[in-house]
Amino acid sequence: MLKTRLKYSFITGVIILSGLLSRKFSIIPLWVGDVLWAAMIYFILRFFYTRALARAIATGSISISYAIEFSQLYKAPWIDSLRQTFLGRMVLGDTFLWGDLLSYSAGILLAILLDKLFKKAMR
């Protein structure tokens, strides 16, 4: 169990680093960060629920990702000021975009594929 959690921690760290770096280089399309963000959510859930089915983790990941995206439609001074901070912007985003939902779906599909590849490699 510890080995599995370490693996998911490492993967999550690599995804976070890649996502932050993707924002530093203008040559990388913005949607890449959204794909990585959703994959990160998948692996964070995987860390906590190591024995859960990939389908359950994917359902949870897509629910969290979509809920945060739709929450961007809610405008109130307190949450808008939170979204203006670096951490708030990275976690909550600031502008609702339909295309982000597609990016999140792609990121979770990619995470499922990576998860399966890593499981095969660990055998």
N, C-alpha and C. Protein backbone atom coordinates (compact mmCIF):
# COMPACT_ATOMS: atom_id res chain seq x y z
N MET A 1 0.83 -1.20 0.00
CA MET A 1 0.00 0.00 0.00
C MET A 1 0.87 1.26 0.00
N LEU A 2 1.93 1.27 0.81
CA LEU A 2 2.81 2.43 0.88
C LEU A 2 3.50 2.65 -0.46
N LYS A 3 3.94 1.57 -1.08
CA LYS A 3 4.59 1.66 -2.39
C LYS A 3 3.64 2.26 -3.43
N THR A 4 2.41 1.85 -3.38
CA THR A 4 1.40 2.37 -4.30
C THR A 4 1.17 3.86 -4.06
N ARG A 5 1.05 4.24 -2.80
CA ARG A 5 0.83 5.66 -2.48
C ARG A 5 2.03 6.51 -2.88
N LEU A 6 3.23 5.99 -2.69
CA LEU A 6 4.43 6.72 -3.12
C LEU A 6 4.43 6.93 -4.63
N LYS A 7 4.02 5.89 -5.34
CA LYS A 7 3.93 5.99 -6.81
C LYS A 7 2.95 7.09 -7.21
N TYR A 8 1.78 7.11 -6.58
CA TYR A 8 0.78 8.12 -6.92
C TYR A 8 1.23 9.52 -6.49
N SER A 9 1.94 9.61 -5.40
CA SER A 9 2.50 10.90 -4.97
C SER A 9 3.50 11.43 -5.99
N PHE A 10 4.36 10.54 -6.44
CA PHE A 10 5.37 10.93 -7.43
C PHE A 10 4.71 11.39 -8.73
N ILE A 11 3.75 10.62 -9.21
CA ILE A 11 3.04 10.98 -10.44
C ILE A 11 2.35 12.33 -10.28
N THR A 12 1.69 12.53 -9.15
CA THR A 12 1.01 13.80 -8.88
C THR A 12 2.01 14.95 -8.89
N GLY A 13 3.15 14.76 -8.25
CA GLY A 13 4.19 15.80 -8.24
C GLY A 13 4.69 16.14 -9.62
N VAL A 14 4.91 15.13 -10.45
CA VAL A 14 5.37 15.37 -11.82
C VAL A 14 4.30 16.13 -12.61
N ILE A 15 3.05 15.77 -12.42
CA ILE A 15 1.96 16.46 -13.12
C ILE A 15 1.87 17.92 -12.67
N ILE A 16 1.98 18.17 -11.36
CA ILE A 16 1.92 19.55 -10.86
C ILE A 16 3.06 20.37 -11.46
N LEU A 17 4.26 19.83 -11.42
CA LEU A 17 5.41 20.53 -11.99
C LEU A 17 5.22 20.79 -13.48
N SER A 18 4.75 19.78 -14.20
CA SER A 18 4.51 19.95 -15.64
C SER A 18 3.44 21.01 -15.91
N GLY A 19 2.38 20.99 -15.10
CA GLY A 19 1.31 21.98 -15.27
C GLY A 19 1.79 23.39 -15.02
N LEU A 20 2.58 23.58 -13.97
CA LEU A 20 3.12 24.92 -13.68
C LEU A 20 4.07 25.36 -14.79
N LEU A 21 4.90 24.45 -15.25
CA LEU A 21 5.82 24.79 -16.35
C LEU A 21 5.08 25.10 -17.65
N SER A 22 3.95 24.42 -17.86
CA SER A 22 3.19 24.66 -19.08
C SER A 22 2.67 26.09 -19.15
N ARG A 23 2.50 26.73 -18.00
CA ARG A 23 2.02 28.12 -17.96
C ARG A 23 3.15 29.12 -18.20
N LYS A 24 4.39 28.66 -18.08
CA LYS A 24 5.55 29.56 -18.23
C LYS A 24 5.97 29.73 -19.68
N PHE A 25 5.61 28.78 -20.53
CA PHE A 25 6.04 28.83 -21.93
C PHE A 25 4.83 29.08 -22.82
N SER A 26 4.85 30.21 -23.50
CA SER A 26 3.69 30.61 -24.31
C SER A 26 3.48 29.69 -25.51
N ILE A 27 4.47 28.90 -25.86
CA ILE A 27 4.33 27.99 -26.99
C ILE A 27 3.39 26.82 -26.67
N ILE A 28 3.21 26.54 -25.38
CA ILE A 28 2.34 25.44 -24.95
C ILE A 28 0.91 25.97 -24.84
N PRO A 29 -0.04 25.35 -25.54
CA PRO A 29 -1.43 25.81 -25.47
C PRO A 29 -1.97 25.73 -24.04
N LEU A 30 -2.86 26.66 -23.70
CA LEU A 30 -3.41 26.71 -22.34
C LEU A 30 -4.19 25.45 -21.97
N TRP A 31 -4.79 24.80 -22.96
CA TRP A 31 -5.58 23.61 -22.65
C TRP A 31 -4.74 22.47 -22.10
N VAL A 32 -3.44 22.48 -22.36
CA VAL A 32 -2.56 21.44 -21.83
C VAL A 32 -2.58 21.48 -20.30
N GLY A 33 -2.56 22.67 -19.73
CA GLY A 33 -2.64 22.80 -18.28
C GLY A 33 -3.94 22.24 -17.72
N ASP A 34 -5.04 22.41 -18.45
CA ASP A 34 -6.33 21.88 -18.01
C ASP A 34 -6.34 20.35 -18.06
N VAL A 35 -5.73 19.79 -19.09
CA VAL A 35 -5.62 18.33 -19.19
C VAL A 35 -4.82 17.80 -18.01
N LEU A 36 -3.70 18.46 -17.72
CA LEU A 36 -2.85 18.03 -16.60
C LEU A 36 -3.56 18.21 -15.26
N TRP A 37 -4.32 19.30 -15.13
CA TRP A 37 -5.04 19.55 -13.88
C TRP A 37 -6.01 18.41 -13.57
N ALA A 38 -6.77 17.99 -14.57
CA ALA A 38 -7.73 16.90 -14.36
C ALA A 38 -7.01 15.58 -14.06
N ALA A 39 -5.89 15.34 -14.74
CA ALA A 39 -5.11 14.13 -14.46
C ALA A 39 -4.59 14.16 -13.02
N MET A 40 -4.20 15.34 -12.56
CA MET A 40 -3.74 15.49 -11.18
C MET A 40 -4.86 15.12 -10.20
N ILE A 41 -6.06 15.58 -10.46
CA ILE A 41 -7.20 15.26 -9.60
C ILE A 41 -7.39 13.74 -9.55
N TYR A 42 -7.29 13.09 -10.69
CA TYR A 42 -7.42 11.63 -10.76
C TYR A 42 -6.39 10.96 -9.84
N PHE A 43 -5.13 11.37 -9.95
CA PHE A 43 -4.08 10.71 -9.18
C PHE A 43 -4.12 11.08 -7.69
N ILE A 44 -4.63 12.25 -7.37
CA ILE A 44 -4.83 12.59 -5.96
C ILE A 44 -5.89 11.65 -5.36
N LEU A 45 -6.98 11.46 -6.08
CA LEU A 45 -8.01 10.53 -5.60
C LEU A 45 -7.46 9.11 -5.53
N ARG A 46 -6.64 8.74 -6.51
CA ARG A 46 -6.00 7.42 -6.52
C ARG A 46 -5.14 7.23 -5.27
N PHE A 47 -4.46 8.29 -4.86
CA PHE A 47 -3.62 8.23 -3.67
C PHE A 47 -4.44 7.84 -2.44
N PHE A 48 -5.61 8.43 -2.30
CA PHE A 48 -6.45 8.18 -1.13
C PHE A 48 -7.26 6.89 -1.23
N TYR A 49 -7.61 6.51 -2.44
CA TYR A 49 -8.44 5.33 -2.66
C TYR A 49 -7.71 4.34 -3.57
N THR A 50 -6.65 3.75 -3.06
CA THR A 50 -5.78 2.91 -3.89
C THR A 50 -6.48 1.66 -4.41
N ARG A 51 -7.46 1.17 -3.70
CA ARG A 51 -8.12 -0.08 -4.11
C ARG A 51 -9.41 0.13 -4.89
N ALA A 52 -9.78 1.37 -5.08
CA ALA A 52 -11.02 1.66 -5.81
C ALA A 52 -10.86 1.34 -7.30
N LEU A 53 -11.95 1.04 -7.93
CA LEU A 53 -11.94 0.80 -9.37
C LEU A 53 -11.63 2.10 -10.11
N ALA A 54 -10.96 1.97 -11.23
CA ALA A 54 -10.64 3.15 -12.05
C ALA A 54 -11.90 3.91 -12.43
N ARG A 55 -12.99 3.20 -12.66
CA ARG A 55 -14.26 3.83 -13.03
C ARG A 55 -14.75 4.75 -11.91
N ALA A 56 -14.62 4.31 -10.67
CA ALA A 56 -15.05 5.13 -9.53
C ALA A 56 -14.16 6.36 -9.38
N ILE A 57 -12.86 6.18 -9.54
CA ILE A 57 -11.93 7.31 -9.46
C ILE A 57 -12.20 8.29 -10.60
N ALA A 58 -12.44 7.77 -11.78
CA ALA A 58 -12.74 8.64 -12.93
C ALA A 58 -14.03 9.42 -12.70
N THR A 59 -15.03 8.77 -12.15
CA THR A 59 -16.31 9.44 -11.87
C THR A 59 -16.11 10.56 -10.86
N GLY A 60 -15.36 10.27 -9.81
CA GLY A 60 -15.07 11.30 -8.81
C GLY A 60 -14.27 12.45 -9.39
N SER A 61 -13.28 12.12 -10.21
CA SER A 61 -12.42 13.14 -10.82
C SER A 61 -13.20 14.06 -11.76
N ILE A 62 -14.03 13.46 -12.58
CA ILE A 62 -14.81 14.27 -13.53
C ILE A 62 -15.82 15.12 -12.78
N SER A 63 -16.38 14.58 -11.71
CA SER A 63 -17.35 15.35 -10.91
C SER A 63 -16.69 16.56 -10.26
N ILE A 64 -15.52 16.35 -9.67
CA ILE A 64 -14.79 17.46 -9.05
C ILE A 64 -14.40 18.49 -10.10
N SER A 65 -13.83 18.03 -11.21
CA SER A 65 -13.36 18.94 -12.25
C SER A 65 -14.51 19.77 -12.83
N TYR A 66 -15.60 19.10 -13.16
CA TYR A 66 -16.75 19.82 -13.73
C TYR A 66 -17.36 20.77 -12.70
N ALA A 67 -17.45 20.33 -11.45
CA ALA A 67 -18.04 21.19 -10.41
C ALA A 67 -17.23 22.46 -10.24
N ILE A 68 -15.92 22.34 -10.25
CA ILE A 68 -15.08 23.53 -10.11
C ILE A 68 -15.23 24.43 -11.33
N GLU A 69 -15.31 23.84 -12.50
CA GLU A 69 -15.50 24.66 -13.71
C GLU A 69 -16.84 25.40 -13.66
N PHE A 70 -17.90 24.70 -13.32
CA PHE A 70 -19.22 25.35 -13.25
C PHE A 70 -19.28 26.36 -12.11
N SER A 71 -18.48 26.17 -11.07
CA SER A 71 -18.46 27.14 -9.96
C SER A 71 -17.94 28.49 -10.43
N GLN A 72 -17.24 28.52 -11.55
CA GLN A 72 -16.72 29.78 -12.08
C GLN A 72 -17.84 30.68 -12.61
N LEU A 73 -19.01 30.12 -12.79
CA LEU A 73 -20.16 30.92 -13.19
C LEU A 73 -20.70 31.73 -12.01
N TYR A 74 -20.38 31.29 -10.80
CA TYR A 74 -20.82 31.99 -9.59
C TYR A 74 -19.88 33.17 -9.34
N LYS A 75 -20.44 34.33 -9.28
CA LYS A 75 -19.66 35.55 -9.06
C LYS A 75 -20.11 36.22 -7.77
N ALA A 76 -19.19 36.32 -6.85
CA ALA A 76 -19.42 37.04 -5.59
C ALA A 76 -18.08 37.63 -5.19
N PRO A 77 -18.10 38.76 -4.52
CA PRO A 77 -16.84 39.43 -4.17
C PRO A 77 -15.84 38.53 -3.43
N TRP A 78 -16.32 37.74 -2.47
CA TRP A 78 -15.41 36.93 -1.67
C TRP A 78 -14.70 35.87 -2.51
N ILE A 79 -15.43 35.22 -3.43
CA ILE A 79 -14.78 34.17 -4.22
C ILE A 79 -13.98 34.76 -5.37
N ASP A 80 -14.43 35.89 -5.89
CA ASP A 80 -13.65 36.56 -6.94
C ASP A 80 -12.32 37.05 -6.41
N SER A 81 -12.30 37.53 -5.17
CA SER A 81 -11.03 37.97 -4.59
C SER A 81 -10.12 36.77 -4.33
N LEU A 82 -10.70 35.65 -3.96
CA LEU A 82 -9.92 34.42 -3.78
C LEU A 82 -9.33 33.96 -5.11
N ARG A 83 -10.12 34.07 -6.17
CA ARG A 83 -9.65 33.66 -7.50
C ARG A 83 -8.55 34.57 -8.03
N GLN A 84 -8.37 35.74 -7.46
CA GLN A 84 -7.31 36.64 -7.91
C GLN A 84 -5.95 36.31 -7.30
N THR A 85 -5.92 35.38 -6.34
CA THR A 85 -4.65 34.94 -5.78
C THR A 85 -4.10 33.82 -6.66
N PHE A 86 -2.80 33.58 -6.57
CA PHE A 86 -2.19 32.53 -7.39
C PHE A 86 -2.82 31.17 -7.09
N LEU A 87 -2.88 30.81 -5.82
CA LEU A 87 -3.43 29.51 -5.44
C LEU A 87 -4.91 29.40 -5.81
N GLY A 88 -5.67 30.46 -5.58
CA GLY A 88 -7.08 30.47 -5.94
C GLY A 88 -7.30 30.29 -7.43
N ARG A 89 -6.47 30.94 -8.22
CA ARG A 89 -6.57 30.83 -9.68
C ARG A 89 -6.20 29.42 -10.14
N MET A 90 -5.17 28.83 -9.52
CA MET A 90 -4.74 27.48 -9.91
C MET A 90 -5.77 26.42 -9.52
N VAL A 91 -6.42 26.59 -8.38
CA VAL A 91 -7.38 25.58 -7.91
C VAL A 91 -8.78 25.83 -8.47
N LEU A 92 -9.24 27.08 -8.42
CA LEU A 92 -10.61 27.40 -8.79
C LEU A 92 -10.78 27.92 -10.22
N GLY A 93 -9.68 28.37 -10.83
CA GLY A 93 -9.80 29.00 -12.14
C GLY A 93 -10.48 30.34 -12.00
N ASP A 94 -10.71 31.01 -13.13
CA ASP A 94 -11.40 32.29 -13.03
C ASP A 94 -12.45 32.53 -14.09
N THR A 95 -12.39 31.80 -15.19
CA THR A 95 -13.34 32.03 -16.29
C THR A 95 -13.90 30.70 -16.76
N PHE A 96 -15.22 30.61 -16.81
CA PHE A 96 -15.86 29.39 -17.31
C PHE A 96 -15.67 29.29 -18.82
N LEU A 97 -15.22 28.12 -19.26
CA LEU A 97 -15.09 27.84 -20.69
C LEU A 97 -15.59 26.42 -20.96
N TRP A 98 -16.47 26.29 -21.95
CA TRP A 98 -16.98 24.96 -22.29
C TRP A 98 -15.85 24.03 -22.71
N GLY A 99 -14.86 24.57 -23.39
CA GLY A 99 -13.74 23.75 -23.86
C GLY A 99 -12.94 23.13 -22.72
N ASP A 100 -12.96 23.76 -21.56
CA ASP A 100 -12.25 23.20 -20.41
C ASP A 100 -12.85 21.84 -20.02
N LEU A 101 -14.15 21.69 -20.19
CA LEU A 101 -14.79 20.42 -19.86
C LEU A 101 -14.23 19.30 -20.73
N LEU A 102 -14.00 19.60 -22.00
CA LEU A 102 -13.39 18.63 -22.91
C LEU A 102 -11.96 18.31 -22.49
N SER A 103 -11.22 19.34 -22.09
CA SER A 103 -9.84 19.13 -21.64
C SER A 103 -9.81 18.27 -20.38
N TYR A 104 -10.73 18.50 -19.47
CA TYR A 104 -10.78 17.70 -18.25
C TYR A 104 -11.08 16.24 -18.58
N SER A 105 -12.01 16.03 -19.48
CA SER A 105 -12.34 14.66 -19.88
C SER A 105 -11.13 13.97 -20.49
N ALA A 106 -10.42 14.68 -21.35
CA ALA A 106 -9.21 14.12 -21.97
C ALA A 106 -8.15 13.83 -20.92
N GLY A 107 -7.99 14.71 -19.96
CA GLY A 107 -7.00 14.51 -18.91
C GLY A 107 -7.29 13.29 -18.06
N ILE A 108 -8.54 13.07 -17.77
CA ILE A 108 -8.90 11.91 -16.96
C ILE A 108 -8.74 10.62 -17.76
N LEU A 109 -9.08 10.65 -19.03
CA LEU A 109 -8.84 9.48 -19.89
C LEU A 109 -7.35 9.17 -19.98
N LEU A 110 -6.55 10.20 -20.13
CA LEU A 110 -5.10 10.02 -20.16
C LEU A 110 -4.60 9.44 -18.84
N ALA A 111 -5.13 9.93 -17.73
CA ALA A 111 -4.72 9.43 -16.41
C ALA A 111 -5.09 7.95 -16.25
N ILE A 112 -6.25 7.56 -16.72
CA ILE A 112 -6.65 6.16 -16.65
C ILE A 112 -5.68 5.29 -17.44
N LEU A 113 -5.33 5.73 -18.62
CA LEU A 113 -4.37 4.98 -19.44
C LEU A 113 -3.01 4.88 -18.77
N LEU A 114 -2.53 6.00 -18.22
CA LEU A 114 -1.25 5.99 -17.50
C LEU A 114 -1.31 5.07 -16.29
N ASP A 115 -2.40 5.12 -15.57
CA ASP A 115 -2.58 4.29 -14.39
C ASP A 115 -2.48 2.80 -14.78
N LYS A 116 -3.15 2.43 -15.86
CA LYS A 116 -3.12 1.04 -16.31
C LYS A 116 -1.72 0.64 -16.76
N LEU A 117 -1.03 1.54 -17.45
CA LEU A 117 0.34 1.25 -17.88
C LEU A 117 1.27 1.06 -16.68
N PHE A 118 1.15 1.92 -15.68
CA PHE A 118 1.99 1.80 -14.49
C PHE A 118 1.68 0.53 -13.71
N LYS A 119 0.41 0.14 -13.68
CA LYS A 119 0.04 -1.10 -12.97
C LYS A 119 0.66 -2.31 -13.66
N LYS A 120 0.66 -2.31 -14.99
CA LYS A 120 1.28 -3.42 -15.72
C LYS A 120 2.79 -3.44 -15.49
N ALA A 121 3.39 -2.28 -15.48
CA ALA A 121 4.85 -2.19 -15.29
C ALA A 121 5.26 -2.61 -13.88
N MET A 122 4.37 -2.44 -12.90
CA MET A 122 4.69 -2.77 -11.51
C MET A 122 4.57 -4.27 -11.23
N ARG A 123 3.98 -5.03 -12.13
CA ARG A 123 3.79 -6.47 -11.91
C ARG A 123 5.05 -7.23 -12.10
